[in-house]
């Protein structure tokens, strides 16, 4: 007999309660959105909009619940069988493998529209779907746990339990070999990165390890590799941020260039990392003067190497406290948490006509849109990129224009 939820919010018995629901939307974390019989919103892991599914409720709160799909009664045309065998073993790395790749970018665009409507109160902003990288072998960098045997491990879904794998669908073959064959006894975490177009590999750990690695792999926090993006060579140090792979980096650069349009002059690249965006703008002839601002010391050193030919001014500073000269174009690529109030003020104070914001979280984009609007910038358009296929993670490139004071 199927157990029903008790409306006082507790569970009836020791088993998860079950119910059949119709999925009406998709949430920021990638879960389907439905309503229980008592009217509460339920976030359904593994469900897609338009489906009728049987669910097992695993968490009940006053205003919402969380559940897992146990039966698909009516399936969406976007549904498929997950292609990676590691998912069936419990790997929590790629939770959207049940979604056909061609549908994933459009679901991510729906997530962005929903965040802009709910948080920024901007349902009118044009949100378009840009490119998507292929799902097989696109990823060139991971950070993993290390088990007692020294093996790199993923986490099981909704768990801290470690899982060693013998393959990884989304990892570049050079990276997959490091994941499967690398050993790092003595460490509890390991970072792995490869240059898909240079063949270079590196690893670094959080402890004193005695690694076993394929021949030629560089090891340690001082290690660095080169990658080719847009026909140019870019140095990437251990611990410095880089996109999910060179294809993703090129897709992001193209989107940023489209957002900038014909604007020229002084370009300030905030959260610049190794200088990929600012340097690519300069290489395309879009910067008469280039200034980059970054707080990560290793990334700053990378930028000084990568941007030397452009005569860029590379500043080692926290964006939130940066006060520079006026700019014509500002590009900002903050962490998942977004700009926040202080960095938004710093960015707006540069007075650029065009501000391009790269965001990897729909909610932080919406929050930053509210902040920038209050600081005199109007959100004009958002492009959604799928740089992390088979996951709910997304990237957006948003163009903000400075509003002229007509008083």
Protein backbone atom coordinates (compact mmCIF):
# COMPACT_ATOMS: atom_id res chain seq x y z
CA UNK A 1 0.00 0.00 0.00
CA UNK A 2 1.30 3.47 -0.90
CA UNK A 3 1.76 5.65 2.16
CA UNK A 4 0.33 9.17 2.05
CA UNK A 5 1.83 12.26 3.69
CA UNK A 6 0.43 13.31 7.03
CA UNK A 7 -0.44 16.97 6.74
CA UNK A 8 1.21 17.84 10.05
CA UNK A 9 4.54 17.62 8.20
CA UNK A 10 5.72 14.34 9.70
CA UNK A 11 6.19 11.04 7.94
CA UNK A 12 3.59 8.27 8.18
CA UNK A 13 5.69 5.34 9.32
CA UNK A 14 9.36 4.71 8.72
CA UNK A 15 9.15 4.51 4.91
CA UNK A 16 9.22 7.54 2.56
CA UNK A 17 5.72 8.73 1.73
CA UNK A 18 4.63 8.54 -1.91
CA UNK A 19 2.35 10.49 -4.18
CA UNK A 20 1.73 11.02 -7.89
CA UNK A 21 2.29 14.59 -9.10
CA UNK A 22 2.37 16.63 -12.32
CA UNK A 23 5.62 18.53 -12.89
CA UNK A 24 5.08 22.14 -13.98
CA UNK A 25 8.56 23.69 -13.95
CA UNK A 26 12.25 23.34 -13.25
CA UNK A 27 14.08 24.70 -10.19
CA UNK A 28 17.47 26.38 -9.88
CA UNK A 29 19.03 23.17 -8.54
CA UNK A 30 17.75 21.15 -11.48
CA UNK A 31 14.79 19.47 -9.76
CA UNK A 32 11.29 19.41 -11.22
CA UNK A 33 8.67 21.56 -9.49
CA UNK A 34 5.24 20.17 -8.59
CA UNK A 35 2.64 20.40 -5.83
CA UNK A 36 1.59 17.81 -3.31
CA UNK A 37 -2.06 17.07 -2.64
CA UNK A 38 -1.94 19.42 0.36
CA UNK A 39 -0.76 22.30 -1.86
CA UNK A 40 2.87 22.38 -0.79
CA UNK A 41 5.54 22.87 -3.44
CA UNK A 42 7.66 19.74 -3.90
CA UNK A 43 11.07 19.68 -5.58
CA UNK A 44 11.33 16.37 -7.42
CA UNK A 45 14.82 15.07 -8.13
CA UNK A 46 14.91 13.41 -11.53
CA UNK A 47 11.65 14.91 -12.83
CA UNK A 48 11.12 17.06 -15.93
CA UNK A 49 8.45 19.65 -16.81
CA UNK A 50 5.32 18.13 -18.31
CA UNK A 51 5.78 14.73 -16.69
CA UNK A 52 3.48 12.82 -14.37
CA UNK A 53 5.64 11.00 -11.87
CA UNK A 54 5.38 8.92 -8.75
CA UNK A 55 7.60 10.33 -6.02
CA UNK A 56 9.05 9.27 -2.70
CA UNK A 57 9.12 12.23 -0.32
CA UNK A 58 12.37 12.28 1.65
CA UNK A 59 12.05 15.67 3.38
CA UNK A 60 8.94 17.54 4.48
CA UNK A 61 9.02 21.16 5.60
CA UNK A 62 6.27 23.60 6.49
CA UNK A 63 6.18 25.26 3.05
CA UNK A 64 7.82 22.74 0.73
CA UNK A 65 9.04 19.18 0.36
CA UNK A 66 11.83 17.34 -1.41
CA UNK A 67 11.34 14.06 -3.19
CA UNK A 68 12.87 11.57 -5.60
CA UNK A 69 11.18 10.10 -8.65
CA UNK A 70 10.39 6.41 -8.25
CA UNK A 71 8.10 5.98 -11.27
CA UNK A 72 7.65 7.91 -14.51
CA UNK A 73 3.98 7.58 -15.43
CA UNK A 74 4.00 10.02 -18.35
CA UNK A 75 7.47 10.87 -19.68
CA UNK A 76 8.69 14.10 -21.28
CA UNK A 77 10.11 13.95 -24.79
CA UNK A 78 13.27 15.37 -23.21
CA UNK A 79 13.83 12.21 -21.14
CA UNK A 80 16.38 9.53 -22.01
CA UNK A 81 18.18 6.65 -20.29
CA UNK A 82 21.38 7.93 -18.58
CA UNK A 83 24.39 6.96 -20.73
CA UNK A 84 27.09 6.73 -18.03
CA UNK A 85 27.32 3.45 -16.06
CA UNK A 86 28.77 5.26 -13.05
CA UNK A 87 25.42 6.95 -12.39
CA UNK A 88 23.80 3.56 -11.77
CA UNK A 89 26.58 2.83 -9.26
CA UNK A 90 25.58 5.94 -7.31
CA UNK A 91 27.96 8.63 -8.66
CA UNK A 92 26.63 12.09 -7.88
CA UNK A 93 28.70 13.94 -10.46
CA UNK A 94 26.26 14.38 -13.37
CA UNK A 95 22.65 14.58 -12.21
CA UNK A 96 21.05 15.58 -15.53
CA UNK A 97 21.99 12.51 -17.54
CA UNK A 98 18.27 11.68 -17.80
CA UNK A 99 17.83 14.80 -19.97
CA UNK A 100 18.54 14.66 -23.71
CA UNK A 101 21.48 16.98 -24.51
CA UNK A 102 19.54 19.04 -27.06
CA UNK A 103 16.94 19.94 -24.40
CA UNK A 104 19.34 20.87 -21.61
CA UNK A 105 20.19 24.43 -22.80
CA UNK A 106 16.51 25.34 -23.07
CA UNK A 107 15.71 24.04 -19.59
CA UNK A 108 18.62 26.10 -18.28
CA UNK A 109 17.22 29.17 -20.03
CA UNK A 110 13.89 28.50 -18.27
CA UNK A 111 15.74 28.42 -14.93
CA UNK A 112 17.28 31.83 -15.70
CA UNK A 113 13.93 33.34 -16.74
CA UNK A 114 12.35 32.08 -13.54
CA UNK A 115 15.10 33.62 -11.38
CA UNK A 116 14.85 36.96 -13.17
CA UNK A 117 11.07 36.95 -12.69
CA UNK A 118 11.06 35.92 -9.02
CA UNK A 119 14.12 37.74 -7.69
CA UNK A 120 14.76 40.66 -10.04
CA UNK A 121 11.11 41.16 -11.06
CA UNK A 122 12.25 41.33 -14.69
CA UNK A 123 10.15 38.93 -16.76
CA UNK A 124 10.65 41.19 -19.78
CA UNK A 125 14.41 40.70 -20.24
CA UNK A 126 15.27 38.83 -23.46
CA UNK A 127 16.90 35.49 -22.54
CA UNK A 128 18.39 33.60 -25.47
CA UNK A 129 20.11 30.24 -25.76
CA UNK A 130 23.70 30.37 -26.96
CA UNK A 131 25.97 27.43 -27.64
CA UNK A 132 26.52 24.14 -25.86
CA UNK A 133 29.63 21.99 -25.69
CA UNK A 134 29.38 18.27 -26.46
CA UNK A 135 28.68 16.06 -23.47
CA UNK A 136 31.49 13.53 -24.04
CA UNK A 137 35.00 14.41 -22.89
CA UNK A 138 34.45 18.15 -22.52
CA UNK A 139 35.80 18.56 -18.99
CA UNK A 140 39.51 19.20 -18.44
CA UNK A 141 39.63 19.99 -14.71
CA UNK A 142 38.23 18.37 -11.57
CA UNK A 143 38.71 18.54 -7.83
CA UNK A 144 38.09 15.21 -6.12
CA UNK A 145 38.32 13.48 -2.75
CA UNK A 146 40.98 10.84 -2.15
CA UNK A 147 40.13 7.55 -0.40
CA UNK A 148 42.31 5.51 1.94
CA UNK A 149 43.82 3.65 -0.98
CA UNK A 150 44.92 6.96 -2.52
CA UNK A 151 42.39 6.82 -5.35
CA UNK A 152 40.61 9.97 -6.62
CA UNK A 153 36.90 9.59 -5.85
CA UNK A 154 33.59 11.22 -6.59
CA UNK A 155 30.84 11.52 -3.97
CA UNK A 156 27.72 9.40 -4.06
CA UNK A 157 24.50 11.29 -4.67
CA UNK A 158 23.35 13.18 -1.55
CA UNK A 159 26.18 11.63 0.45
CA UNK A 160 29.79 12.15 1.56
CA UNK A 161 30.53 8.49 0.80
CA UNK A 162 33.38 8.14 -1.66
CA UNK A 163 33.08 6.32 -4.99
CA UNK A 164 36.07 5.37 -7.14
CA UNK A 165 35.18 5.04 -10.83
CA UNK A 166 36.71 3.17 -13.74
CA UNK A 167 35.46 5.64 -16.38
CA UNK A 168 34.07 9.18 -16.64
CA UNK A 169 31.88 10.15 -19.58
CA UNK A 170 32.38 13.92 -19.36
CA UNK A 171 36.14 13.95 -18.68
CA UNK A 172 38.66 14.41 -21.46
CA UNK A 173 40.54 11.12 -22.01
CA UNK A 174 43.76 12.59 -20.57
CA UNK A 175 41.84 13.63 -17.45
CA UNK A 176 39.92 10.36 -17.19
CA UNK A 177 43.24 8.49 -17.13
CA UNK A 178 44.38 10.60 -14.17
CA UNK A 179 41.10 9.94 -12.37
CA UNK A 180 41.21 6.18 -12.90
CA UNK A 181 44.94 5.46 -12.64
CA UNK A 182 46.36 8.24 -10.46
CA UNK A 183 47.14 7.45 -6.83
CA UNK A 184 47.67 10.03 -4.07
CA UNK A 185 48.31 8.26 -0.74
CA UNK A 186 48.52 10.73 2.12
CA UNK A 187 46.14 13.30 0.62
CA UNK A 188 42.41 13.77 1.18
CA UNK A 189 41.78 16.00 -1.86
CA UNK A 190 43.36 16.29 -5.29
CA UNK A 191 43.07 18.76 -8.15
CA UNK A 192 43.58 17.41 -11.67
CA UNK A 193 43.86 19.45 -14.87
CA UNK A 194 44.89 18.73 -18.45
CA UNK A 195 45.52 20.73 -21.59
CA UNK A 196 43.22 19.09 -24.13
CA UNK A 197 45.07 20.72 -27.03
CA UNK A 198 48.61 20.60 -25.67
CA UNK A 199 48.58 17.17 -24.03
CA UNK A 200 49.97 18.58 -20.78
CA UNK A 201 48.76 17.32 -17.39
CA UNK A 202 49.14 18.33 -13.77
CA UNK A 203 47.96 17.39 -10.28
CA UNK A 204 48.10 19.01 -6.85
CA UNK A 205 46.95 17.84 -3.43
CA UNK A 206 46.04 19.32 -0.05
CA UNK A 207 48.53 17.21 1.88
CA UNK A 208 51.89 15.50 1.71
CA UNK A 209 51.27 12.81 -0.89
CA UNK A 210 53.50 10.39 -2.74
CA UNK A 211 51.67 10.30 -6.06
CA UNK A 212 51.70 7.68 -8.77
CA UNK A 213 51.02 9.46 -12.05
CA UNK A 214 51.34 8.88 -15.79
CA UNK A 215 54.74 9.85 -17.15
CA UNK A 216 55.13 13.60 -17.76
CA UNK A 217 52.40 14.73 -15.36
CA UNK A 218 53.45 17.81 -13.39
CA UNK A 219 52.79 17.72 -9.67
CA UNK A 220 52.51 20.31 -6.92
CA UNK A 221 51.01 23.72 -6.13
CA UNK A 222 53.66 25.40 -8.28
CA UNK A 223 52.75 23.33 -11.34
CA UNK A 224 51.24 24.90 -14.45
CA UNK A 225 50.14 23.80 -17.89
CA UNK A 226 49.35 25.54 -21.16
CA UNK A 227 46.09 25.34 -23.09
CA UNK A 228 45.19 26.63 -26.55
CA UNK A 229 42.08 28.80 -26.78
CA UNK A 230 41.22 30.89 -29.82
CA UNK A 231 44.54 29.98 -31.42
CA UNK A 232 46.45 31.47 -28.50
CA UNK A 233 48.47 29.79 -25.75
CA UNK A 234 47.32 30.40 -22.17
CA UNK A 235 49.23 29.52 -19.01
CA UNK A 236 47.06 28.02 -16.24
CA UNK A 237 48.51 27.42 -12.78
CA UNK A 238 47.40 24.89 -10.20
CA UNK A 239 44.62 26.39 -8.12
CA UNK A 240 43.82 29.13 -10.66
CA UNK A 241 40.35 29.08 -12.18
CA UNK A 242 39.73 28.08 -15.79
CA UNK A 243 36.63 27.15 -17.74
CA UNK A 244 35.45 23.54 -18.07
CA UNK A 245 37.54 23.11 -21.23
CA UNK A 246 38.93 24.99 -24.25
CA UNK A 247 35.70 24.62 -26.22
CA UNK A 248 33.76 26.14 -23.34
CA UNK A 249 36.30 28.95 -23.05
CA UNK A 250 35.97 29.81 -26.75
CA UNK A 251 32.18 29.74 -26.50
CA UNK A 252 32.28 32.10 -23.52
CA UNK A 253 34.70 34.49 -25.25
CA UNK A 254 32.45 34.65 -28.33
CA UNK A 255 29.42 35.43 -26.18
CA UNK A 256 31.25 38.20 -24.31
CA UNK A 257 32.39 39.74 -27.60
CA UNK A 258 28.80 39.69 -28.86
CA UNK A 259 27.65 41.40 -25.66
CA UNK A 260 30.29 44.13 -25.99
CA UNK A 261 29.41 44.77 -29.61
CA UNK A 262 31.14 47.75 -31.20
CA UNK A 263 32.24 49.33 -27.92
CA UNK A 264 35.94 50.26 -27.78
CA UNK A 265 38.28 52.07 -25.44
CA UNK A 266 39.47 51.19 -21.96
CA UNK A 267 38.39 47.69 -20.93
CA UNK A 268 38.52 46.67 -17.26
CA UNK A 269 38.32 42.92 -16.66
CA UNK A 270 37.20 42.20 -13.08
CA UNK A 271 37.77 38.75 -11.55
CA UNK A 272 40.06 38.32 -14.51
CA UNK A 273 41.74 35.05 -13.55
CA UNK A 274 44.53 34.40 -16.00
CA UNK A 275 43.24 37.10 -18.34
CA UNK A 276 41.24 34.95 -20.78
CA UNK A 277 38.35 37.36 -21.35
CA UNK A 278 40.30 40.61 -21.31
CA UNK A 279 43.10 39.17 -23.42
CA UNK A 280 40.65 37.76 -25.95
CA UNK A 281 38.92 41.14 -26.20
CA UNK A 282 42.29 42.81 -26.78
CA UNK A 283 43.28 40.18 -29.36
CA UNK A 284 40.04 40.88 -31.23
CA UNK A 285 40.87 44.60 -31.36
CA UNK A 286 38.28 45.56 -28.77
CA UNK A 287 40.53 47.26 -26.22
CA UNK A 288 42.67 50.36 -26.65
CA UNK A 289 43.76 49.84 -23.03
CA UNK A 290 43.32 46.73 -20.90
CA UNK A 291 43.23 46.58 -17.09
CA UNK A 292 42.68 43.32 -15.21
CA UNK A 293 41.85 42.90 -11.52
CA UNK A 294 42.23 39.57 -9.70
CA UNK A 295 42.80 38.52 -6.08
CA UNK A 296 44.25 35.02 -6.68
CA UNK A 297 48.05 35.34 -6.66
CA UNK A 298 48.69 32.40 -9.00
CA UNK A 299 46.13 33.68 -11.50
CA UNK A 300 47.71 37.14 -11.41
CA UNK A 301 51.07 35.60 -12.33
CA UNK A 302 49.37 33.75 -15.18
CA UNK A 303 47.79 36.97 -16.41
CA UNK A 304 51.13 38.78 -16.44
CA UNK A 305 52.45 36.03 -18.72
CA UNK A 306 49.34 35.72 -20.88
CA UNK A 307 48.78 39.45 -21.39
CA UNK A 308 52.35 40.71 -21.75
CA UNK A 309 52.02 41.42 -25.47
CA UNK A 310 49.01 43.69 -24.88
CA UNK A 311 50.75 45.93 -22.37
CA UNK A 312 47.94 45.21 -19.93
CA UNK A 313 47.90 46.66 -16.43
CA UNK A 314 47.50 43.57 -14.22
CA UNK A 315 46.34 44.49 -10.71
CA UNK A 316 46.46 42.12 -7.74
CA UNK A 317 43.50 43.30 -5.67
CA UNK A 318 40.10 42.42 -4.28
CA UNK A 319 37.42 43.65 -6.69
CA UNK A 320 35.20 44.79 -3.82
CA UNK A 321 37.80 47.36 -2.76
CA UNK A 322 39.11 48.28 -6.22
CA UNK A 323 38.88 51.94 -7.19
CA UNK A 324 40.35 52.49 -10.61
CA UNK A 325 40.26 54.99 -13.44
CA UNK A 326 37.14 55.39 -15.61
CA UNK A 327 36.41 52.60 -18.11
CA UNK A 328 34.44 52.35 -21.34
CA UNK A 329 33.70 48.64 -20.94
CA UNK A 330 33.66 46.54 -17.78
CA UNK A 331 33.65 42.74 -17.87
CA UNK A 332 33.11 40.88 -14.60
CA UNK A 333 33.24 37.11 -14.05
CA UNK A 334 32.75 36.60 -10.30
CA UNK A 335 32.44 33.34 -8.38
CA UNK A 336 29.11 31.53 -8.02
CA UNK A 337 27.99 33.89 -5.24
CA UNK A 338 28.05 36.81 -7.70
CA UNK A 339 29.23 40.40 -7.31
CA UNK A 340 27.43 41.28 -4.10
CA UNK A 341 26.89 44.88 -2.96
CA UNK A 342 30.51 46.00 -2.53
CA UNK A 343 31.83 44.65 -5.84
CA UNK A 344 28.74 45.92 -7.67
CA UNK A 345 29.50 49.41 -6.35
CA UNK A 346 33.14 49.10 -7.45
CA UNK A 347 32.13 47.96 -10.93
CA UNK A 348 29.51 50.67 -11.36
CA UNK A 349 31.87 53.38 -10.08
CA UNK A 350 34.07 52.84 -13.14
CA UNK A 351 31.31 54.52 -15.16
CA UNK A 352 31.46 52.25 -18.20
CA UNK A 353 28.84 52.63 -20.92
CA UNK A 354 28.63 48.83 -21.16
CA UNK A 355 28.98 46.34 -18.33
CA UNK A 356 29.10 42.63 -19.21
CA UNK A 357 28.45 40.22 -16.34
CA UNK A 358 29.33 36.53 -16.55
CA UNK A 359 27.37 34.49 -14.01
CA UNK A 360 27.38 30.76 -13.21
CA UNK A 361 24.28 30.84 -11.03
CA UNK A 362 20.84 32.11 -12.00
CA UNK A 363 19.98 33.39 -8.51
CA UNK A 364 23.21 35.37 -8.17
CA UNK A 365 22.61 36.86 -11.63
CA UNK A 366 19.18 38.02 -10.55
CA UNK A 367 20.49 39.46 -7.27
CA UNK A 368 23.29 41.28 -9.08
CA UNK A 369 20.78 42.62 -11.61
CA UNK A 370 18.86 44.22 -8.73
CA UNK A 371 22.07 45.76 -7.36
CA UNK A 372 23.28 47.09 -10.72
CA UNK A 373 19.85 48.51 -11.56
CA UNK A 374 19.95 50.52 -8.34
CA UNK A 375 23.41 51.76 -9.37
CA UNK A 376 22.24 53.10 -12.73
CA UNK A 377 22.56 50.12 -15.09
CA UNK A 378 19.75 48.53 -17.08
CA UNK A 379 19.80 44.81 -17.86
CA UNK A 380 19.36 44.60 -21.62
CA UNK A 381 19.86 40.95 -22.59
CA UNK A 382 21.01 37.58 -21.26
CA UNK A 383 22.57 34.74 -23.22
CA UNK A 384 22.61 31.26 -21.65
CA UNK A 385 25.51 28.92 -22.41
CA UNK A 386 25.61 25.21 -21.65
CA UNK A 387 29.24 24.70 -20.66
CA UNK A 388 28.49 21.87 -18.21
CA UNK A 389 26.32 19.31 -20.06
CA UNK A 390 24.61 16.57 -18.04
CA UNK A 391 24.49 18.89 -15.02
CA UNK A 392 22.10 21.68 -14.03
CA UNK A 393 25.03 24.13 -13.93
CA UNK A 394 24.83 26.97 -16.42
CA UNK A 395 26.68 30.06 -17.55
CA UNK A 396 25.12 33.37 -18.52
CA UNK A 397 26.52 36.43 -20.26
CA UNK A 398 24.45 39.53 -19.52
CA UNK A 399 24.74 42.97 -21.04
CA UNK A 400 23.98 46.00 -18.88
CA UNK A 401 23.84 49.52 -20.31
CA UNK A 402 24.44 52.68 -18.30
CA UNK A 403 21.28 54.70 -17.90
CA UNK A 404 21.77 58.36 -18.72
CA UNK A 405 20.75 60.80 -16.01
CA UNK A 406 18.01 62.92 -17.55
CA UNK A 407 17.40 65.18 -14.58
